[in-house]
Each structure stands twice: as C-alpha cells, then as structure tokens.
Amino acid sequence: MPDYYRILEVDPQASKEVIEKAYRALSLKYHPDKHQGNKKEAATRKWMEIREAYDVLSDENKRAAYDRVRRREIIDVFLSEGLIGLARKYLR
C-alpha cells in the first residue's frame, strides 16, 4: 500500500488545509507539462501518485478508511518483523 502521507510530504496528523497546500505545491512541481524528455515520463508518474494521494487524503471518508488500513499494516509489520522491520518500511 502506498504511503500517501509520504507522497504528499505531510504528517499523518496534517489538517485538510496543509494537505491541500502540499498537493498544490507538488502538483505544480511535477506537472508533466513542465518537463521534457525522460524527465517528463518520471514526472508524469510522480504527478499521478500525488493526485491519487490527494484524492484519498482530501476526502474525509476515504482518509478514515485509509488510516484504518494503514494502522493495521503498521501493527502487522511490528508484530511480524519488530522495530527493525517497522523502521525499514517507514523510515526509508
């Protein structure tokens, strides 16, 4: 599961306003029309990730569902791999 908070470079406790501001800044930075050649393809992929993350985190219901699944994933990683596994997954 992608880490939408990491993609938008915001804290999981971020307000809706902070998420929107981050989305706008990153969307402008990675917009495909601002890049050429090989960089355009990479920027397009990143831009689509940013749009997907914003789509989920900007909607109250989708964000709540995402947070529940994310918490469950964190607990599962901790129980199966301990702190080292958790650090590998979330601190890269």
PDB file of N, CA and C in Angstrom:
ATOM      1  N   MET A   1       0.840  -1.173   0.000  1.00  0.00           N
ATOM      2  CA  MET A   1       0.000   0.000   0.000  1.00  0.00           C
ATOM      3  C   MET A   1       0.890   1.243   0.000  1.00  0.00           C
ATOM      4  N   PRO A   2       0.625   2.174  -0.890  1.00  0.00           N
ATOM      5  CA  PRO A   2       1.444   3.394  -0.918  1.00  0.00           C
ATOM      6  C   PRO A   2       1.229   4.238   0.337  1.00  0.00           C
ATOM      7  N   ASP A   3       2.262   4.943   0.736  1.00  0.00           N
ATOM      8  CA  ASP A   3       2.164   5.838   1.892  1.00  0.00           C
ATOM      9  C   ASP A   3       1.817   7.229   1.374  1.00  0.00           C
ATOM     10  N   TYR A   4       0.540   7.536   1.372  1.00  0.00           N
ATOM     11  CA  TYR A   4       0.065   8.797   0.823  1.00  0.00           C
ATOM     12  C   TYR A   4       0.595  10.008   1.577  1.00  0.00           C
ATOM     13  N   TYR A   5       0.806   9.861   2.861  1.00  0.00           N
ATOM     14  CA  TYR A   5       1.355  10.978   3.636  1.00  0.00           C
ATOM     15  C   TYR A   5       2.790  11.278   3.191  1.00  0.00           C
ATOM     16  N   ARG A   6       3.543  10.240   2.940  1.00  0.00           N
ATOM     17  CA  ARG A   6       4.918  10.429   2.473  1.00  0.00           C
ATOM     18  C   ARG A   6       4.933  11.031   1.068  1.00  0.00           C
ATOM     19  N   ILE A   7       4.036  10.569   0.215  1.00  0.00           N
ATOM     20  CA  ILE A   7       3.965  11.084  -1.151  1.00  0.00           C
ATOM     21  C   ILE A   7       3.693  12.588  -1.144  1.00  0.00           C
ATOM     22  N   LEU A   8       2.774  13.034  -0.265  1.00  0.00           N
ATOM     23  CA  LEU A   8       2.450  14.460  -0.186  1.00  0.00           C
ATOM     24  C   LEU A   8       3.381  15.215   0.765  1.00  0.00           C
ATOM     25  N   GLU A   9       4.303  14.478   1.387  1.00  0.00           N
ATOM     26  CA  GLU A   9       5.294  15.081   2.286  1.00  0.00           C
ATOM     27  C   GLU A   9       4.645  15.831   3.444  1.00  0.00           C
ATOM     28  N   VAL A  10       3.622  15.179   4.044  1.00  0.00           N
ATOM     29  CA  VAL A  10       2.925  15.770   5.184  1.00  0.00           C
ATOM     30  C   VAL A  10       2.879  14.770   6.331  1.00  0.00           C
ATOM     31  N   ASP A  11       2.649  15.268   7.514  1.00  0.00           N
ATOM     32  CA  ASP A  11       2.488  14.453   8.706  1.00  0.00           C
ATOM     33  C   ASP A  11       1.108  13.789   8.675  1.00  0.00           C
ATOM     34  N   PRO A  12       0.982  12.567   9.201  1.00  0.00           N
ATOM     35  CA  PRO A  12      -0.331  11.918   9.244  1.00  0.00           C
ATOM     36  C   PRO A  12      -1.387  12.711  10.026  1.00  0.00           C
ATOM     37  N   GLN A  13      -0.970  13.623  10.862  1.00  0.00           N
ATOM     38  CA  GLN A  13      -1.922  14.452  11.615  1.00  0.00           C
ATOM     39  C   GLN A  13      -2.234  15.768  10.899  1.00  0.00           C
ATOM     40  N   ALA A  14      -1.746  15.939   9.700  1.00  0.00           N
ATOM     41  CA  ALA A  14      -1.900  17.199   8.960  1.00  0.00           C
ATOM     42  C   ALA A  14      -3.368  17.542   8.727  1.00  0.00           C
ATOM     43  N   SER A  15      -3.655  18.824   8.784  1.00  0.00           N
ATOM     44  CA  SER A  15      -5.014  19.296   8.534  1.00  0.00           C
ATOM     45  C   SER A  15      -5.316  19.224   7.040  1.00  0.00           C
ATOM     46  N   LYS A  16      -6.586  19.367   6.734  1.00  0.00           N
ATOM     47  CA  LYS A  16      -7.022  19.356   5.337  1.00  0.00           C
ATOM     48  C   LYS A  16      -6.363  20.502   4.562  1.00  0.00           C
ATOM     49  N   GLU A  17      -6.188  21.633   5.218  1.00  0.00           N
ATOM     50  CA  GLU A  17      -5.567  22.793   4.579  1.00  0.00           C
ATOM     51  C   GLU A  17      -4.099  22.532   4.245  1.00  0.00           C
ATOM     52  N   VAL A  18      -3.382  21.895   5.168  1.00  0.00           N
ATOM     53  CA  VAL A  18      -1.966  21.569   4.942  1.00  0.00           C
ATOM     54  C   VAL A  18      -1.843  20.569   3.792  1.00  0.00           C
ATOM     55  N   ILE A  19      -2.726  19.603   3.755  1.00  0.00           N
ATOM     56  CA  ILE A  19      -2.714  18.600   2.684  1.00  0.00           C
ATOM     57  C   ILE A  19      -2.972  19.267   1.337  1.00  0.00           C
ATOM     58  N   GLU A  20      -3.926  20.181   1.298  1.00  0.00           N
ATOM     59  CA  GLU A  20      -4.228  20.875   0.046  1.00  0.00           C
ATOM     60  C   GLU A  20      -3.054  21.734  -0.410  1.00  0.00           C
ATOM     61  N   LYS A  21      -2.417  22.419   0.522  1.00  0.00           N
ATOM     62  CA  LYS A  21      -1.269  23.256   0.183  1.00  0.00           C
ATOM     63  C   LYS A  21      -0.113  22.411  -0.361  1.00  0.00           C
ATOM     64  N   ALA A  22       0.146  21.278   0.281  1.00  0.00           N
ATOM     65  CA  ALA A  22       1.206  20.372  -0.178  1.00  0.00           C
ATOM     66  C   ALA A  22       0.878  19.826  -1.561  1.00  0.00           C
ATOM     67  N   TYR A  23      -0.376  19.455  -1.757  1.00  0.00           N
ATOM     68  CA  TYR A  23      -0.801  18.940  -3.059  1.00  0.00           C
ATOM     69  C   TYR A  23      -0.566  19.969  -4.160  1.00  0.00           C
ATOM     70  N   ARG A  24      -0.977  21.193  -3.919  1.00  0.00           N
ATOM     71  CA  ARG A  24      -0.819  22.233  -4.940  1.00  0.00           C
ATOM     72  C   ARG A  24       0.653  22.469  -5.281  1.00  0.00           C
ATOM     73  N   ALA A  25       1.487  22.534  -4.248  1.00  0.00           N
ATOM     74  CA  ALA A  25       2.915  22.780  -4.491  1.00  0.00           C
ATOM     75  C   ALA A  25       3.549  21.625  -5.263  1.00  0.00           C
ATOM     76  N   LEU A  26       3.276  20.395  -4.846  1.00  0.00           N
ATOM     77  CA  LEU A  26       3.871  19.235  -5.510  1.00  0.00           C
ATOM     78  C   LEU A  26       3.293  19.028  -6.907  1.00  0.00           C
ATOM     79  N   SER A  27       2.018  19.308  -7.058  1.00  0.00           N
ATOM     80  CA  SER A  27       1.380  19.165  -8.358  1.00  0.00           C
ATOM     81  C   SER A  27       2.004  20.115  -9.372  1.00  0.00           C
ATOM     82  N   LEU A  28       2.276  21.331  -8.950  1.00  0.00           N
ATOM     83  CA  LEU A  28       2.950  22.283  -9.843  1.00  0.00           C
ATOM     84  C   LEU A  28       4.380  21.841 -10.152  1.00  0.00           C
ATOM     85  N   LYS A  29       5.073  21.366  -9.127  1.00  0.00           N
ATOM     86  CA  LYS A  29       6.473  20.957  -9.300  1.00  0.00           C
ATOM     87  C   LYS A  29       6.615  19.794 -10.276  1.00  0.00           C
ATOM     88  N   TYR A  30       5.705  18.819 -10.212  1.00  0.00           N
ATOM     89  CA  TYR A  30       5.833  17.606 -11.022  1.00  0.00           C
ATOM     90  C   TYR A  30       4.881  17.564 -12.217  1.00  0.00           C
ATOM     91  N   HIS A  31       4.203  18.655 -12.511  1.00  0.00           N
ATOM     92  CA  HIS A  31       3.262  18.630 -13.632  1.00  0.00           C
ATOM     93  C   HIS A  31       4.015  18.251 -14.909  1.00  0.00           C
ATOM     94  N   PRO A  32       3.475  17.294 -15.665  1.00  0.00           N
ATOM     95  CA  PRO A  32       4.160  16.806 -16.878  1.00  0.00           C
ATOM     96  C   PRO A  32       4.482  17.893 -17.901  1.00  0.00           C
ATOM     97  N   ASP A  33       3.672  18.922 -17.984  1.00  0.00           N
ATOM     98  CA  ASP A  33       3.912  19.984 -18.966  1.00  0.00           C
ATOM     99  C   ASP A  33       5.159  20.802 -18.653  1.00  0.00           C
ATOM    100  N   LYS A  34       5.677  20.693 -17.447  1.00  0.00           N
ATOM    101  CA  LYS A  34       6.867  21.455 -17.063  1.00  0.00           C
ATOM    102  C   LYS A  34       8.165  20.684 -17.307  1.00  0.00           C
ATOM    103  N   HIS A  35       8.056  19.462 -17.843  1.00  0.00           N
ATOM    104  CA  HIS A  35       9.233  18.611 -18.040  1.00  0.00           C
ATOM    105  C   HIS A  35       9.297  18.126 -19.478  1.00  0.00           C
ATOM    106  N   GLN A  36      10.523  17.755 -19.897  1.00  0.00           N
ATOM    107  CA  GLN A  36      10.723  17.266 -21.259  1.00  0.00           C
ATOM    108  C   GLN A  36      11.546  15.987 -21.237  1.00  0.00           C
ATOM    109  N   GLY A  37      11.460  15.247 -22.323  1.00  0.00           N
ATOM    110  CA  GLY A  37      12.278  14.045 -22.497  1.00  0.00           C
ATOM    111  C   GLY A  37      12.004  12.984 -21.447  1.00  0.00           C
ATOM    112  N   ASN A  38      13.091  12.346 -20.976  1.00  0.00           N
ATOM    113  CA  ASN A  38      12.983  11.279 -19.985  1.00  0.00           C
ATOM    114  C   ASN A  38      12.390  11.780 -18.668  1.00  0.00           C
ATOM    115  N   LYS A  39      12.650  13.024 -18.342  1.00  0.00           N
ATOM    116  CA  LYS A  39      12.135  13.590 -17.095  1.00  0.00           C
ATOM    117  C   LYS A  39      10.614  13.722 -17.121  1.00  0.00           C
ATOM    118  N   LYS A  40      10.056  13.887 -18.300  1.00  0.00           N
ATOM    119  CA  LYS A  40       8.605  14.037 -18.418  1.00  0.00           C
ATOM    120  C   LYS A  40       7.891  12.762 -17.987  1.00  0.00           C
ATOM    121  N   GLU A  41       8.431  11.625 -18.385  1.00  0.00           N
ATOM    122  CA  GLU A  41       7.824  10.344 -18.033  1.00  0.00           C
ATOM    123  C   GLU A  41       7.848  10.119 -16.515  1.00  0.00           C
ATOM    124  N   ALA A  42       8.981  10.395 -15.897  1.00  0.00           N
ATOM    125  CA  ALA A  42       9.102  10.241 -14.443  1.00  0.00           C
ATOM    126  C   ALA A  42       8.202  11.237 -13.715  1.00  0.00           C
ATOM    127  N   ALA A  43       8.153  12.458 -14.229  1.00  0.00           N
ATOM    128  CA  ALA A  43       7.303  13.487 -13.615  1.00  0.00           C
ATOM    129  C   ALA A  43       5.828  13.103 -13.726  1.00  0.00           C
ATOM    130  N   THR A  44       5.448  12.517 -14.839  1.00  0.00           N
ATOM    131  CA  THR A  44       4.060  12.091 -15.026  1.00  0.00           C
ATOM    132  C   THR A  44       3.679  11.031 -14.006  1.00  0.00           C
ATOM    133  N   ARG A  45       4.568  10.060 -13.794  1.00  0.00           N
ATOM    134  CA  ARG A  45       4.300   9.011 -12.792  1.00  0.00           C
ATOM    135  C   ARG A  45       4.153   9.620 -11.397  1.00  0.00           C
ATOM    136  N   LYS A  46       5.081  10.509 -11.049  1.00  0.00           N
ATOM    137  CA  LYS A  46       5.051  11.157  -9.735  1.00  0.00           C
ATOM    138  C   LYS A  46       3.787  11.999  -9.585  1.00  0.00           C
ATOM    139  N   TRP A  47       3.438  12.743 -10.632  1.00  0.00           N
ATOM    140  CA  TRP A  47       2.254  13.591 -10.617  1.00  0.00           C
ATOM    141  C   TRP A  47       0.991  12.759 -10.395  1.00  0.00           C
ATOM    142  N   MET A  48       0.924  11.587 -11.024  1.00  0.00           N
ATOM    143  CA  MET A  48      -0.240  10.712 -10.845  1.00  0.00           C
ATOM    144  C   MET A  48      -0.296  10.158  -9.421  1.00  0.00           C
ATOM    145  N   GLU A  49       0.852   9.839  -8.831  1.00  0.00           N
ATOM    146  CA  GLU A  49       0.898   9.401  -7.425  1.00  0.00           C
ATOM    147  C   GLU A  49       0.378  10.511  -6.517  1.00  0.00           C
ATOM    148  N   ILE A  50       0.802  11.722  -6.788  1.00  0.00           N
ATOM    149  CA  ILE A  50       0.389  12.878  -5.988  1.00  0.00           C
ATOM    150  C   ILE A  50      -1.119  13.068  -6.089  1.00  0.00           C
ATOM    151  N   ARG A  51      -1.657  12.963  -7.276  1.00  0.00           N
ATOM    152  CA  ARG A  51      -3.108  13.114  -7.476  1.00  0.00           C
ATOM    153  C   ARG A  51      -3.878  12.027  -6.737  1.00  0.00           C
ATOM    154  N   GLU A  52      -3.386  10.777  -6.798  1.00  0.00           N
ATOM    155  CA  GLU A  52      -4.046   9.670  -6.108  1.00  0.00           C
ATOM    156  C   GLU A  52      -4.022   9.898  -4.594  1.00  0.00           C
ATOM    157  N   ALA A  53      -2.868  10.308  -4.075  1.00  0.00           N
ATOM    158  CA  ALA A  53      -2.738  10.562  -2.637  1.00  0.00           C
ATOM    159  C   ALA A  53      -3.698  11.665  -2.205  1.00  0.00           C
ATOM    160  N   TYR A  54      -3.762  12.721  -2.977  1.00  0.00           N
ATOM    161  CA  TYR A  54      -4.661  13.831  -2.636  1.00  0.00           C
ATOM    162  C   TYR A  54      -6.119  13.399  -2.706  1.00  0.00           C
ATOM    163  N   ASP A  55      -6.455  12.597  -3.694  1.00  0.00           N
ATOM    164  CA  ASP A  55      -7.825  12.105  -3.836  1.00  0.00           C
ATOM    165  C   ASP A  55      -8.277  11.380  -2.569  1.00  0.00           C
ATOM    166  N   VAL A  56      -7.400  10.594  -2.000  1.00  0.00           N
ATOM    167  CA  VAL A  56      -7.741   9.841  -0.785  1.00  0.00           C
ATOM    168  C   VAL A  56      -7.709  10.733   0.453  1.00  0.00           C
ATOM    169  N   LEU A  57      -6.646  11.492   0.628  1.00  0.00           N
ATOM    170  CA  LEU A  57      -6.479  12.260   1.864  1.00  0.00           C
ATOM    171  C   LEU A  57      -7.370  13.493   1.948  1.00  0.00           C
ATOM    172  N   SER A  58      -7.885  13.963   0.827  1.00  0.00           N
ATOM    173  CA  SER A  58      -8.745  15.146   0.862  1.00  0.00           C
ATOM    174  C   SER A  58     -10.206  14.799   1.141  1.00  0.00           C
ATOM    175  N   ASP A  59     -10.551  13.536   1.032  1.00  0.00           N
ATOM    176  CA  ASP A  59     -11.914  13.074   1.291  1.00  0.00           C
ATOM    177  C   ASP A  59     -11.968  12.457   2.691  1.00  0.00           C
ATOM    178  N   GLU A  60     -12.818  13.003   3.562  1.00  0.00           N
ATOM    179  CA  GLU A  60     -12.878  12.553   4.955  1.00  0.00           C
ATOM    180  C   GLU A  60     -13.088  11.046   5.097  1.00  0.00           C
ATOM    181  N   ASN A  61     -14.031  10.500   4.348  1.00  0.00           N
ATOM    182  CA  ASN A  61     -14.341   9.073   4.455  1.00  0.00           C
ATOM    183  C   ASN A  61     -13.212   8.199   3.920  1.00  0.00           C
ATOM    184  N   LYS A  62     -12.662   8.587   2.773  1.00  0.00           N
ATOM    185  CA  LYS A  62     -11.555   7.812   2.196  1.00  0.00           C
ATOM    186  C   LYS A  62     -10.331   7.870   3.114  1.00  0.00           C
ATOM    187  N   ARG A  63     -10.082   9.038   3.690  1.00  0.00           N
ATOM    188  CA  ARG A  63      -8.925   9.192   4.579  1.00  0.00           C
ATOM    189  C   ARG A  63      -9.090   8.331   5.827  1.00  0.00           C
ATOM    190  N   ALA A  64     -10.281   8.314   6.398  1.00  0.00           N
ATOM    191  CA  ALA A  64     -10.527   7.498   7.593  1.00  0.00           C
ATOM    192  C   ALA A  64     -10.316   6.015   7.285  1.00  0.00           C
ATOM    193  N   ALA A  65     -10.821   5.569   6.148  1.00  0.00           N
ATOM    194  CA  ALA A  65     -10.640   4.167   5.753  1.00  0.00           C
ATOM    195  C   ALA A  65      -9.164   3.868   5.514  1.00  0.00           C
ATOM    196  N   TYR A  66      -8.476   4.769   4.831  1.00  0.00           N
ATOM    197  CA  TYR A  66      -7.042   4.600   4.567  1.00  0.00           C
ATOM    198  C   TYR A  66      -6.262   4.531   5.879  1.00  0.00           C
ATOM    199  N   ASP A  67      -6.574   5.423   6.819  1.00  0.00           N
ATOM    200  CA  ASP A  67      -5.876   5.433   8.107  1.00  0.00           C
ATOM    201  C   ASP A  67      -6.085   4.133   8.883  1.00  0.00           C
ATOM    202  N   ARG A  68      -7.294   3.568   8.810  1.00  0.00           N
ATOM    203  CA  ARG A  68      -7.550   2.287   9.493  1.00  0.00           C
ATOM    204  C   ARG A  68      -6.676   1.180   8.906  1.00  0.00           C
ATOM    205  N   VAL A  69      -6.619   1.111   7.583  1.00  0.00           N
ATOM    206  CA  VAL A  69      -5.811   0.084   6.918  1.00  0.00           C
ATOM    207  C   VAL A  69      -4.326   0.316   7.201  1.00  0.00           C
ATOM    208  N   ARG A  70      -3.908   1.561   7.186  1.00  0.00           N
ATOM    209  CA  ARG A  70      -2.503   1.914   7.451  1.00  0.00           C
ATOM    210  C   ARG A  70      -2.095   1.516   8.865  1.00  0.00           C
ATOM    211  N   ARG A  71      -2.950   1.815   9.841  1.00  0.00           N
ATOM    212  CA  ARG A  71      -2.654   1.420  11.234  1.00  0.00           C
ATOM    213  C   ARG A  71      -2.533  -0.092  11.359  1.00  0.00           C
ATOM    214  N   ARG A  72      -3.442  -0.806  10.691  1.00  0.00           N
ATOM    215  CA  ARG A  72      -3.416  -2.272  10.744  1.00  0.00           C
ATOM    216  C   ARG A  72      -2.112  -2.795  10.127  1.00  0.00           C
ATOM    217  N   GLU A  73      -1.700  -2.185   9.025  1.00  0.00           N
ATOM    218  CA  GLU A  73      -0.455  -2.590   8.369  1.00  0.00           C
ATOM    219  C   GLU A  73       0.747  -2.334   9.281  1.00  0.00           C
ATOM    220  N   ILE A  74       0.766  -1.201   9.954  1.00  0.00           N
ATOM    221  CA  ILE A  74       1.860  -0.879  10.875  1.00  0.00           C
ATOM    222  C   ILE A  74       1.925  -1.902  12.001  1.00  0.00           C
ATOM    223  N   ILE A  75       0.777  -2.237  12.560  1.00  0.00           N
ATOM    224  CA  ILE A  75       0.729  -3.232  13.635  1.00  0.00           C
ATOM    225  C   ILE A  75       1.207  -4.586  13.131  1.00  0.00           C
ATOM    226  N   ASP A  76       0.753  -4.984  11.943  1.00  0.00           N
ATOM    227  CA  ASP A  76       1.161  -6.278  11.373  1.00  0.00           C
ATOM    228  C   ASP A  76       2.667  -6.346  11.141  1.00  0.00           C
ATOM    229  N   VAL A  77       3.242  -5.274  10.615  1.00  0.00           N
ATOM    230  CA  VAL A  77       4.691  -5.241  10.376  1.00  0.00           C
ATOM    231  C   VAL A  77       5.427  -5.326  11.706  1.00  0.00           C
ATOM    232  N   PHE A  78       4.960  -4.581  12.695  1.00  0.00           N
ATOM    233  CA  PHE A  78       5.613  -4.608  14.003  1.00  0.00           C
ATOM    234  C   PHE A  78       5.544  -6.007  14.613  1.00  0.00           C
ATOM    235  N   LEU A  79       4.390  -6.646  14.551  1.00  0.00           N
ATOM    236  CA  LEU A  79       4.240  -7.972  15.146  1.00  0.00           C
ATOM    237  C   LEU A  79       5.053  -9.039  14.418  1.00  0.00           C
ATOM    238  N   SER A  80       5.192  -8.896  13.107  1.00  0.00           N
ATOM    239  CA  SER A  80       5.927  -9.921  12.365  1.00  0.00           C
ATOM    240  C   SER A  80       7.423  -9.641  12.261  1.00  0.00           C
ATOM    241  N   GLU A  81       7.821  -8.365  12.234  1.00  0.00           N
ATOM    242  CA  GLU A  81       9.228  -8.038  11.998  1.00  0.00           C
ATOM    243  C   GLU A  81       9.863  -7.200  13.103  1.00  0.00           C
ATOM    244  N   GLY A  82       9.073  -6.762  14.059  1.00  0.00           N
ATOM    245  CA  GLY A  82       9.608  -5.963  15.159  1.00  0.00           C
ATOM    246  C   GLY A  82       9.944  -4.547  14.737  1.00  0.00           C
ATOM    247  N   LEU A  83      10.664  -3.857  15.605  1.00  0.00           N
ATOM    248  CA  LEU A  83      11.006  -2.459  15.360  1.00  0.00           C
ATOM    249  C   LEU A  83      11.902  -2.271  14.143  1.00  0.00           C
ATOM    250  N   ILE A  84      12.800  -3.215  13.909  1.00  0.00           N
ATOM    251  CA  ILE A  84      13.699  -3.100  12.762  1.00  0.00           C
ATOM    252  C   ILE A  84      12.902  -3.143  11.457  1.00  0.00           C
ATOM    253  N   GLY A  85      11.964  -4.063  11.351  1.00  0.00           N
ATOM    254  CA  GLY A  85      11.133  -4.148  10.161  1.00  0.00           C
ATOM    255  C   GLY A  85      10.274  -2.915   9.967  1.00  0.00           C
ATOM    256  N   LEU A  86       9.770  -2.397  11.069  1.00  0.00           N
ATOM    257  CA  LEU A  86       8.953  -1.190  11.024  1.00  0.00           C
ATOM    258  C   LEU A  86       9.778   0.000  10.545  1.00  0.00           C
ATOM    259  N   ALA A  87      10.986   0.102  11.062  1.00  0.00           N
ATOM    260  CA  ALA A  87      11.879   1.191  10.657  1.00  0.00           C
ATOM    261  C   ALA A  87      12.238   1.054   9.175  1.00  0.00           C
ATOM    262  N   ARG A  88      12.515  -0.156   8.716  1.00  0.00           N
ATOM    263  CA  ARG A  88      12.842  -0.359   7.302  1.00  0.00           C
ATOM    264  C   ARG A  88      11.695   0.077   6.396  1.00  0.00           C
ATOM    265  N   LYS A  89      10.483  -0.229   6.786  1.00  0.00           N
ATOM    266  CA  LYS A  89       9.327   0.067   5.946  1.00  0.00           C
ATOM    267  C   LYS A  89       8.968   1.547   5.943  1.00  0.00           C
ATOM    268  N   TYR A  90       9.046   2.201   7.095  1.00  0.00           N
ATOM    269  CA  TYR A  90       8.517   3.561   7.200  1.00  0.00           C
ATOM    270  C   TYR A  90       9.570   4.647   7.316  1.00  0.00           C
ATOM    271  N   LEU A  91      10.825   4.296   7.417  1.00  0.00           N
ATOM    272  CA  LEU A  91      11.856   5.323   7.544  1.00  0.00           C
ATOM    273  C   LEU A  91      12.825   5.349   6.369  1.00  0.00           C
ATOM    274  N   ARG A  92      12.444   4.750   5.262  1.00  0.00           N
ATOM    275  CA  ARG A  92      13.333   4.773   4.098  1.00  0.00           C
ATOM    276  C   ARG A  92      13.281   6.085   3.413  1.00  0.00           C
TER     277      ARG A  92
END
